[in-house]
N, C-alpha and C. Protein backbone atom coordinates (compact mmCIF):
# COMPACT_ATOMS: atom_id res chain seq x y z
N MET A 1 -128.67 34.88 -56.85
CA MET A 1 -127.81 35.38 -55.78
C MET A 1 -127.73 34.32 -54.69
N ILE A 2 -126.54 34.13 -54.17
CA ILE A 2 -126.35 33.22 -53.04
C ILE A 2 -125.75 33.98 -51.88
N LEU A 3 -126.07 33.55 -50.68
CA LEU A 3 -125.45 34.06 -49.46
C LEU A 3 -124.55 32.96 -48.95
N ARG A 4 -123.32 33.33 -48.61
CA ARG A 4 -122.36 32.34 -48.13
C ARG A 4 -121.35 33.00 -47.22
N PRO A 5 -120.67 32.19 -46.39
CA PRO A 5 -119.59 32.76 -45.57
C PRO A 5 -118.51 33.35 -46.46
N ALA A 6 -117.96 34.46 -46.03
CA ALA A 6 -116.87 35.10 -46.78
C ALA A 6 -115.61 34.25 -46.71
N ARG A 7 -114.84 34.32 -47.78
CA ARG A 7 -113.55 33.63 -47.87
C ARG A 7 -112.44 34.68 -47.99
N ALA A 8 -111.23 34.26 -47.73
CA ALA A 8 -110.09 35.18 -47.82
C ALA A 8 -110.04 35.86 -49.18
N ALA A 9 -110.38 35.14 -50.23
CA ALA A 9 -110.33 35.70 -51.58
C ALA A 9 -111.35 36.82 -51.80
N ASP A 10 -112.32 36.94 -50.90
CA ASP A 10 -113.34 37.99 -51.02
C ASP A 10 -112.89 39.32 -50.44
N ALA A 11 -111.80 39.35 -49.73
CA ALA A 11 -111.40 40.54 -48.97
C ALA A 11 -111.32 41.79 -49.84
N GLY A 12 -110.77 41.69 -51.03
CA GLY A 12 -110.65 42.86 -51.89
C GLY A 12 -112.00 43.43 -52.29
N GLN A 13 -112.91 42.56 -52.69
CA GLN A 13 -114.25 43.02 -53.06
C GLN A 13 -115.01 43.58 -51.87
N VAL A 14 -114.86 42.93 -50.71
CA VAL A 14 -115.52 43.43 -49.50
C VAL A 14 -114.98 44.82 -49.16
N ALA A 15 -113.68 45.00 -49.25
CA ALA A 15 -113.08 46.30 -48.95
C ALA A 15 -113.55 47.36 -49.95
N ASP A 16 -113.66 46.99 -51.22
CA ASP A 16 -114.15 47.93 -52.23
C ASP A 16 -115.59 48.36 -51.92
N ILE A 17 -116.43 47.40 -51.56
CA ILE A 17 -117.83 47.72 -51.23
C ILE A 17 -117.88 48.62 -50.01
N ASP A 18 -117.12 48.28 -48.98
CA ASP A 18 -117.07 49.10 -47.76
C ASP A 18 -116.71 50.54 -48.11
N HIS A 19 -115.64 50.71 -48.86
CA HIS A 19 -115.17 52.04 -49.23
C HIS A 19 -116.18 52.78 -50.10
N ASP A 20 -116.64 52.13 -51.16
CA ASP A 20 -117.53 52.79 -52.10
C ASP A 20 -118.87 53.16 -51.48
N ALA A 21 -119.43 52.27 -50.66
CA ALA A 21 -120.72 52.56 -50.03
C ALA A 21 -120.60 53.71 -49.04
N ARG A 22 -119.53 53.74 -48.27
CA ARG A 22 -119.32 54.85 -47.33
C ARG A 22 -119.15 56.17 -48.07
N LEU A 23 -118.35 56.15 -49.11
CA LEU A 23 -118.08 57.37 -49.87
C LEU A 23 -119.36 57.86 -50.58
N PHE A 24 -120.13 56.94 -51.12
CA PHE A 24 -121.35 57.30 -51.83
C PHE A 24 -122.40 57.87 -50.89
N THR A 25 -122.57 57.21 -49.73
CA THR A 25 -123.63 57.60 -48.80
C THR A 25 -123.24 58.79 -47.93
N LEU A 26 -122.00 58.82 -47.49
CA LEU A 26 -121.55 59.84 -46.54
C LEU A 26 -120.26 60.50 -47.03
N PRO A 27 -120.34 61.24 -48.13
CA PRO A 27 -119.12 61.78 -48.72
C PRO A 27 -118.38 62.80 -47.85
N ASN A 28 -119.05 63.41 -46.90
CA ASN A 28 -118.41 64.45 -46.09
C ASN A 28 -117.88 63.96 -44.74
N VAL A 29 -118.06 62.68 -44.45
CA VAL A 29 -117.57 62.15 -43.17
C VAL A 29 -116.06 61.95 -43.26
N ARG A 30 -115.37 62.36 -42.22
CA ARG A 30 -113.93 62.16 -42.13
C ARG A 30 -113.71 60.90 -41.30
N TRP A 31 -113.37 59.81 -41.98
CA TRP A 31 -113.24 58.50 -41.35
C TRP A 31 -111.97 58.41 -40.52
N GLU A 32 -112.04 57.61 -39.49
CA GLU A 32 -110.90 57.43 -38.58
C GLU A 32 -109.73 56.72 -39.23
N HIS A 33 -110.02 55.83 -40.17
CA HIS A 33 -108.96 55.01 -40.78
C HIS A 33 -108.90 55.27 -42.28
N THR A 34 -107.71 55.21 -42.82
CA THR A 34 -107.54 55.38 -44.26
C THR A 34 -108.09 54.16 -44.99
N PRO A 35 -108.38 54.30 -46.27
CA PRO A 35 -108.83 53.13 -47.04
C PRO A 35 -107.82 51.97 -46.98
N ALA A 36 -106.54 52.27 -46.99
CA ALA A 36 -105.54 51.20 -46.91
C ALA A 36 -105.59 50.49 -45.56
N GLU A 37 -105.74 51.26 -44.49
CA GLU A 37 -105.85 50.65 -43.15
C GLU A 37 -107.10 49.78 -43.06
N LYS A 38 -108.20 50.27 -43.60
CA LYS A 38 -109.45 49.51 -43.55
C LYS A 38 -109.33 48.24 -44.39
N ARG A 39 -108.72 48.34 -45.55
CA ARG A 39 -108.52 47.17 -46.42
C ARG A 39 -107.69 46.11 -45.70
N HIS A 40 -106.65 46.54 -45.02
CA HIS A 40 -105.80 45.61 -44.27
C HIS A 40 -106.59 44.95 -43.15
N TRP A 41 -107.37 45.72 -42.41
CA TRP A 41 -108.18 45.19 -41.31
C TRP A 41 -109.21 44.18 -41.82
N ILE A 42 -109.84 44.48 -42.94
CA ILE A 42 -110.82 43.55 -43.52
C ILE A 42 -110.15 42.23 -43.87
N ALA A 43 -108.99 42.29 -44.53
CA ALA A 43 -108.31 41.08 -44.96
C ALA A 43 -107.70 40.29 -43.81
N GLU A 44 -107.15 41.00 -42.82
CA GLU A 44 -106.41 40.33 -41.77
C GLU A 44 -107.20 40.04 -40.50
N THR A 45 -108.29 40.77 -40.28
CA THR A 45 -109.05 40.61 -39.04
C THR A 45 -110.51 40.24 -39.29
N LEU A 46 -111.20 41.05 -40.06
CA LEU A 46 -112.64 40.86 -40.21
C LEU A 46 -112.98 39.53 -40.90
N ILE A 47 -112.46 39.30 -42.08
CA ILE A 47 -112.79 38.07 -42.82
C ILE A 47 -112.34 36.83 -42.03
N PRO A 48 -111.10 36.81 -41.52
CA PRO A 48 -110.69 35.61 -40.76
C PRO A 48 -111.50 35.36 -39.48
N SER A 49 -112.21 36.36 -38.99
CA SER A 49 -113.00 36.16 -37.77
C SER A 49 -114.14 35.18 -37.99
N GLY A 50 -114.53 34.96 -39.24
CA GLY A 50 -115.60 34.04 -39.54
C GLY A 50 -116.99 34.62 -39.35
N CYS A 51 -117.09 35.92 -39.10
CA CYS A 51 -118.40 36.53 -38.83
C CYS A 51 -118.99 37.22 -40.05
N VAL A 52 -118.38 37.07 -41.21
CA VAL A 52 -118.80 37.80 -42.41
C VAL A 52 -119.47 36.85 -43.40
N HIS A 53 -120.60 37.30 -43.93
CA HIS A 53 -121.28 36.61 -45.02
C HIS A 53 -121.37 37.58 -46.19
N VAL A 54 -121.33 37.02 -47.39
CA VAL A 54 -121.43 37.84 -48.58
C VAL A 54 -122.63 37.41 -49.42
N ALA A 55 -123.13 38.35 -50.19
CA ALA A 55 -124.12 38.07 -51.23
C ALA A 55 -123.34 38.07 -52.53
N GLU A 56 -123.43 36.97 -53.26
CA GLU A 56 -122.64 36.80 -54.47
C GLU A 56 -123.54 36.43 -55.64
N GLN A 57 -123.19 36.98 -56.78
CA GLN A 57 -123.88 36.61 -58.02
C GLN A 57 -122.85 36.57 -59.14
N ASP A 58 -122.80 35.46 -59.83
CA ASP A 58 -121.89 35.29 -60.96
C ASP A 58 -120.44 35.61 -60.59
N GLY A 59 -120.03 35.22 -59.39
CA GLY A 59 -118.65 35.42 -58.96
C GLY A 59 -118.34 36.80 -58.42
N HIS A 60 -119.33 37.68 -58.37
CA HIS A 60 -119.13 39.04 -57.88
C HIS A 60 -119.81 39.22 -56.53
N VAL A 61 -119.08 39.77 -55.58
CA VAL A 61 -119.66 40.07 -54.28
C VAL A 61 -120.45 41.36 -54.42
N LEU A 62 -121.73 41.30 -54.06
CA LEU A 62 -122.62 42.45 -54.20
C LEU A 62 -122.84 43.19 -52.88
N GLY A 63 -122.60 42.49 -51.77
CA GLY A 63 -122.79 43.09 -50.46
C GLY A 63 -122.24 42.16 -49.40
N PHE A 64 -122.13 42.69 -48.17
CA PHE A 64 -121.64 41.84 -47.09
C PHE A 64 -122.26 42.26 -45.76
N LEU A 65 -122.26 41.29 -44.86
CA LEU A 65 -122.80 41.43 -43.52
C LEU A 65 -121.77 40.89 -42.54
N ALA A 66 -121.48 41.66 -41.50
CA ALA A 66 -120.62 41.19 -40.41
C ALA A 66 -121.45 41.18 -39.13
N LEU A 67 -121.53 40.02 -38.51
CA LEU A 67 -122.27 39.85 -37.26
C LEU A 67 -121.32 39.61 -36.11
N ARG A 68 -121.63 40.19 -34.97
CA ARG A 68 -120.91 39.89 -33.73
C ARG A 68 -122.00 39.58 -32.71
N GLU A 69 -122.20 38.28 -32.51
CA GLU A 69 -123.29 37.82 -31.67
C GLU A 69 -124.58 38.43 -32.22
N SER A 70 -125.38 39.08 -31.42
CA SER A 70 -126.66 39.61 -31.93
C SER A 70 -126.53 41.07 -32.38
N TRP A 71 -125.34 41.47 -32.75
CA TRP A 71 -125.10 42.83 -33.27
C TRP A 71 -124.73 42.75 -34.74
N VAL A 72 -125.36 43.59 -35.54
CA VAL A 72 -124.97 43.77 -36.93
C VAL A 72 -123.85 44.80 -36.90
N ASP A 73 -122.63 44.32 -37.09
CA ASP A 73 -121.49 45.24 -37.06
C ASP A 73 -121.35 46.03 -38.34
N GLN A 74 -121.61 45.37 -39.45
CA GLN A 74 -121.49 46.04 -40.75
C GLN A 74 -122.46 45.41 -41.72
N LEU A 75 -123.06 46.22 -42.54
CA LEU A 75 -123.92 45.77 -43.63
C LEU A 75 -123.80 46.80 -44.74
N TYR A 76 -123.17 46.39 -45.82
CA TYR A 76 -122.97 47.29 -46.95
C TYR A 76 -123.29 46.58 -48.25
N VAL A 77 -123.89 47.31 -49.17
CA VAL A 77 -124.19 46.81 -50.50
C VAL A 77 -123.51 47.74 -51.50
N ARG A 78 -123.00 47.13 -52.55
CA ARG A 78 -122.30 47.90 -53.58
C ARG A 78 -123.24 48.96 -54.17
N PRO A 79 -122.82 50.24 -54.18
CA PRO A 79 -123.64 51.25 -54.85
C PRO A 79 -123.93 50.81 -56.29
N GLY A 80 -125.12 51.10 -56.74
CA GLY A 80 -125.55 50.64 -58.06
C GLY A 80 -126.31 49.33 -57.98
N GLN A 81 -126.24 48.68 -56.82
CA GLN A 81 -126.94 47.42 -56.61
C GLN A 81 -128.03 47.56 -55.55
N TRP A 82 -128.27 48.77 -55.10
CA TRP A 82 -129.26 49.00 -54.04
C TRP A 82 -130.66 48.77 -54.56
N ARG A 83 -131.56 48.52 -53.62
CA ARG A 83 -132.99 48.33 -53.90
C ARG A 83 -133.25 47.14 -54.81
N GLN A 84 -132.41 46.12 -54.66
CA GLN A 84 -132.58 44.88 -55.42
C GLN A 84 -132.74 43.69 -54.47
N GLY A 85 -132.91 43.96 -53.19
CA GLY A 85 -133.12 42.90 -52.21
C GLY A 85 -131.86 42.32 -51.60
N ILE A 86 -130.71 42.84 -51.94
CA ILE A 86 -129.45 42.29 -51.44
C ILE A 86 -129.29 42.58 -49.95
N GLY A 87 -129.44 43.84 -49.57
CA GLY A 87 -129.34 44.21 -48.16
C GLY A 87 -130.40 43.52 -47.33
N GLY A 88 -131.62 43.45 -47.88
CA GLY A 88 -132.71 42.77 -47.17
C GLY A 88 -132.41 41.29 -46.96
N ALA A 89 -131.84 40.64 -47.96
CA ALA A 89 -131.49 39.22 -47.83
C ALA A 89 -130.40 39.02 -46.78
N LEU A 90 -129.41 39.89 -46.77
CA LEU A 90 -128.36 39.79 -45.75
C LEU A 90 -128.92 40.05 -44.36
N LEU A 91 -129.78 41.04 -44.24
CA LEU A 91 -130.39 41.33 -42.96
C LEU A 91 -131.29 40.18 -42.50
N GLN A 92 -131.98 39.54 -43.44
CA GLN A 92 -132.81 38.39 -43.09
C GLN A 92 -131.95 37.24 -42.57
N LEU A 93 -130.77 37.06 -43.15
CA LEU A 93 -129.85 36.04 -42.65
C LEU A 93 -129.53 36.31 -41.18
N ALA A 94 -129.28 37.57 -40.85
CA ALA A 94 -128.99 37.93 -39.45
C ALA A 94 -130.20 37.66 -38.57
N LYS A 95 -131.39 38.00 -39.04
CA LYS A 95 -132.61 37.75 -38.26
C LYS A 95 -132.83 36.26 -38.05
N ASP A 96 -132.56 35.47 -39.06
CA ASP A 96 -132.71 34.02 -38.93
C ASP A 96 -131.73 33.44 -37.92
N ARG A 97 -130.54 34.01 -37.86
CA ARG A 97 -129.53 33.54 -36.90
C ARG A 97 -129.84 33.98 -35.48
N TYR A 98 -130.46 35.13 -35.34
CA TYR A 98 -130.76 35.71 -34.03
C TYR A 98 -132.24 36.09 -33.96
N PRO A 99 -133.12 35.09 -33.93
CA PRO A 99 -134.56 35.38 -33.99
C PRO A 99 -135.11 36.08 -32.75
N ASP A 100 -134.33 36.15 -31.69
CA ASP A 100 -134.79 36.84 -30.48
C ASP A 100 -134.46 38.33 -30.48
N GLY A 101 -133.78 38.81 -31.51
CA GLY A 101 -133.51 40.22 -31.62
C GLY A 101 -132.11 40.54 -32.08
N LEU A 102 -131.97 41.72 -32.64
CA LEU A 102 -130.69 42.23 -33.14
C LEU A 102 -130.57 43.70 -32.78
N ALA A 103 -129.36 44.19 -32.78
CA ALA A 103 -129.11 45.62 -32.60
C ALA A 103 -127.98 46.03 -33.54
N LEU A 104 -127.87 47.32 -33.75
CA LEU A 104 -126.81 47.85 -34.60
C LEU A 104 -126.64 49.34 -34.33
N TYR A 105 -125.49 49.85 -34.69
CA TYR A 105 -125.24 51.28 -34.65
C TYR A 105 -125.41 51.84 -36.05
N CYS A 106 -125.89 53.07 -36.12
CA CYS A 106 -126.05 53.76 -37.39
C CYS A 106 -125.77 55.24 -37.14
N PHE A 107 -125.06 55.87 -38.04
CA PHE A 107 -124.85 57.30 -37.90
C PHE A 107 -126.19 58.02 -38.00
N GLN A 108 -126.41 58.99 -37.13
CA GLN A 108 -127.65 59.76 -37.17
C GLN A 108 -127.85 60.44 -38.52
N CYS A 109 -126.77 60.85 -39.15
CA CYS A 109 -126.86 61.58 -40.42
C CYS A 109 -127.09 60.66 -41.62
N ASN A 110 -127.03 59.35 -41.43
CA ASN A 110 -127.18 58.42 -42.55
C ASN A 110 -128.66 58.07 -42.75
N LEU A 111 -129.38 58.98 -43.37
CA LEU A 111 -130.81 58.80 -43.56
C LEU A 111 -131.13 57.60 -44.45
N THR A 112 -130.27 57.30 -45.41
CA THR A 112 -130.49 56.14 -46.28
C THR A 112 -130.51 54.86 -45.45
N ALA A 113 -129.51 54.69 -44.59
CA ALA A 113 -129.45 53.50 -43.75
C ALA A 113 -130.58 53.48 -42.73
N ARG A 114 -130.86 54.62 -42.14
CA ARG A 114 -131.94 54.67 -41.15
C ARG A 114 -133.27 54.24 -41.78
N ASN A 115 -133.57 54.74 -42.96
CA ASN A 115 -134.81 54.35 -43.65
C ASN A 115 -134.81 52.87 -43.98
N PHE A 116 -133.67 52.35 -44.39
CA PHE A 116 -133.56 50.92 -44.70
C PHE A 116 -133.88 50.07 -43.46
N TYR A 117 -133.21 50.38 -42.35
CA TYR A 117 -133.43 49.59 -41.13
C TYR A 117 -134.86 49.72 -40.61
N GLU A 118 -135.40 50.92 -40.63
CA GLU A 118 -136.78 51.10 -40.19
C GLU A 118 -137.74 50.30 -41.08
N GLY A 119 -137.46 50.26 -42.38
CA GLY A 119 -138.28 49.49 -43.30
C GLY A 119 -138.20 48.00 -43.08
N HIS A 120 -137.17 47.57 -42.35
CA HIS A 120 -136.99 46.15 -42.04
C HIS A 120 -137.29 45.85 -40.57
N GLY A 121 -138.08 46.71 -39.95
CA GLY A 121 -138.57 46.42 -38.61
C GLY A 121 -137.71 46.86 -37.45
N PHE A 122 -136.67 47.62 -37.71
CA PHE A 122 -135.82 48.13 -36.63
C PHE A 122 -136.37 49.47 -36.15
N ASN A 123 -136.14 49.75 -34.87
CA ASN A 123 -136.53 51.02 -34.29
C ASN A 123 -135.31 51.69 -33.68
N GLY A 124 -135.20 53.00 -33.89
CA GLY A 124 -134.15 53.76 -33.23
C GLY A 124 -134.48 53.84 -31.75
N VAL A 125 -133.57 53.37 -30.90
CA VAL A 125 -133.89 53.30 -29.48
C VAL A 125 -133.03 54.21 -28.61
N VAL A 126 -131.83 54.52 -29.05
CA VAL A 126 -130.93 55.34 -28.24
C VAL A 126 -130.11 56.22 -29.16
N LEU A 127 -130.09 57.50 -28.86
CA LEU A 127 -129.17 58.40 -29.57
C LEU A 127 -127.85 58.37 -28.85
N GLY A 128 -126.79 58.16 -29.61
CA GLY A 128 -125.46 58.13 -29.02
C GLY A 128 -124.88 59.52 -28.91
N ASP A 129 -123.82 59.62 -28.14
CA ASP A 129 -123.15 60.91 -28.01
C ASP A 129 -121.71 60.83 -28.53
N ASP A 130 -121.37 59.69 -29.08
CA ASP A 130 -120.03 59.49 -29.63
C ASP A 130 -119.96 60.19 -30.99
N ALA A 131 -119.16 61.19 -31.10
CA ALA A 131 -119.08 61.96 -32.34
C ALA A 131 -117.85 61.61 -33.17
N VAL A 132 -117.35 60.38 -33.04
CA VAL A 132 -116.18 59.98 -33.81
C VAL A 132 -116.60 58.89 -34.78
N PRO A 133 -116.69 59.09 -36.06
CA PRO A 133 -116.54 60.37 -36.74
C PRO A 133 -117.83 61.18 -36.79
N GLU A 134 -118.96 60.58 -36.42
CA GLU A 134 -120.26 61.26 -36.43
C GLU A 134 -121.08 60.75 -35.26
N PRO A 135 -122.03 61.54 -34.77
CA PRO A 135 -122.94 61.02 -33.73
C PRO A 135 -123.72 59.82 -34.28
N ASP A 136 -123.89 58.82 -33.43
CA ASP A 136 -124.57 57.62 -33.88
C ASP A 136 -125.85 57.38 -33.09
N MET A 137 -126.51 56.30 -33.41
CA MET A 137 -127.69 55.87 -32.68
C MET A 137 -127.76 54.36 -32.73
N VAL A 138 -128.49 53.79 -31.78
CA VAL A 138 -128.68 52.34 -31.75
C VAL A 138 -130.06 52.04 -32.31
N PHE A 139 -130.10 51.08 -33.20
CA PHE A 139 -131.35 50.55 -33.72
C PHE A 139 -131.50 49.14 -33.18
N ALA A 140 -132.74 48.73 -32.90
CA ALA A 140 -133.00 47.39 -32.40
C ALA A 140 -134.18 46.79 -33.14
N TRP A 141 -134.08 45.50 -33.33
CA TRP A 141 -135.18 44.68 -33.86
C TRP A 141 -135.52 43.69 -32.76
N ALA A 142 -136.77 43.68 -32.33
CA ALA A 142 -137.18 42.93 -31.16
C ALA A 142 -137.31 41.43 -31.39
N GLY A 143 -137.17 40.97 -32.59
CA GLY A 143 -137.29 39.54 -32.85
C GLY A 143 -138.66 39.17 -33.33
N GLY A 144 -138.86 37.90 -33.38
CA GLY A 144 -140.15 37.41 -33.85
C GLY A 144 -140.00 36.43 -35.00
N GLY A 145 -138.93 35.68 -34.97
CA GLY A 145 -138.74 34.67 -36.01
C GLY A 145 -138.11 35.20 -37.27
N GLY A 146 -137.87 36.49 -37.37
CA GLY A 146 -137.14 37.03 -38.51
C GLY A 146 -138.00 37.41 -39.70
N ARG A 147 -139.27 37.08 -39.69
CA ARG A 147 -140.08 37.39 -40.87
C ARG A 147 -141.29 38.19 -40.49
């Protein structure tokens, strides 16, 4: 597996992972944007921003990470590829880039993601009150060299 900056050609796979992971983990959430709108945003805005890295193996994107300064904006791994170190490797890339700390939002109802982040040294620090589409919370990692 290699980690590398995302390219325009990755947009379709990134959009598929985004959609499939959300649907698999949170099937009852009513998302603000349609899959087509999200696919367009990924191809036209997210990937060109230069903030996305992908985990790739044998030409297939297995997961992706979007960073905005010291915030993890998005981290998704293709369902069926979980618990193989892909998410951990992407998160480690973020820690290496921002060794003084990171933060991220996570839906309160997403116990899978919450357990993942807690297992990687993040702590839930603030419960949000934004209920669009679900109440969220802020997780923070205080830093320490990333390892």
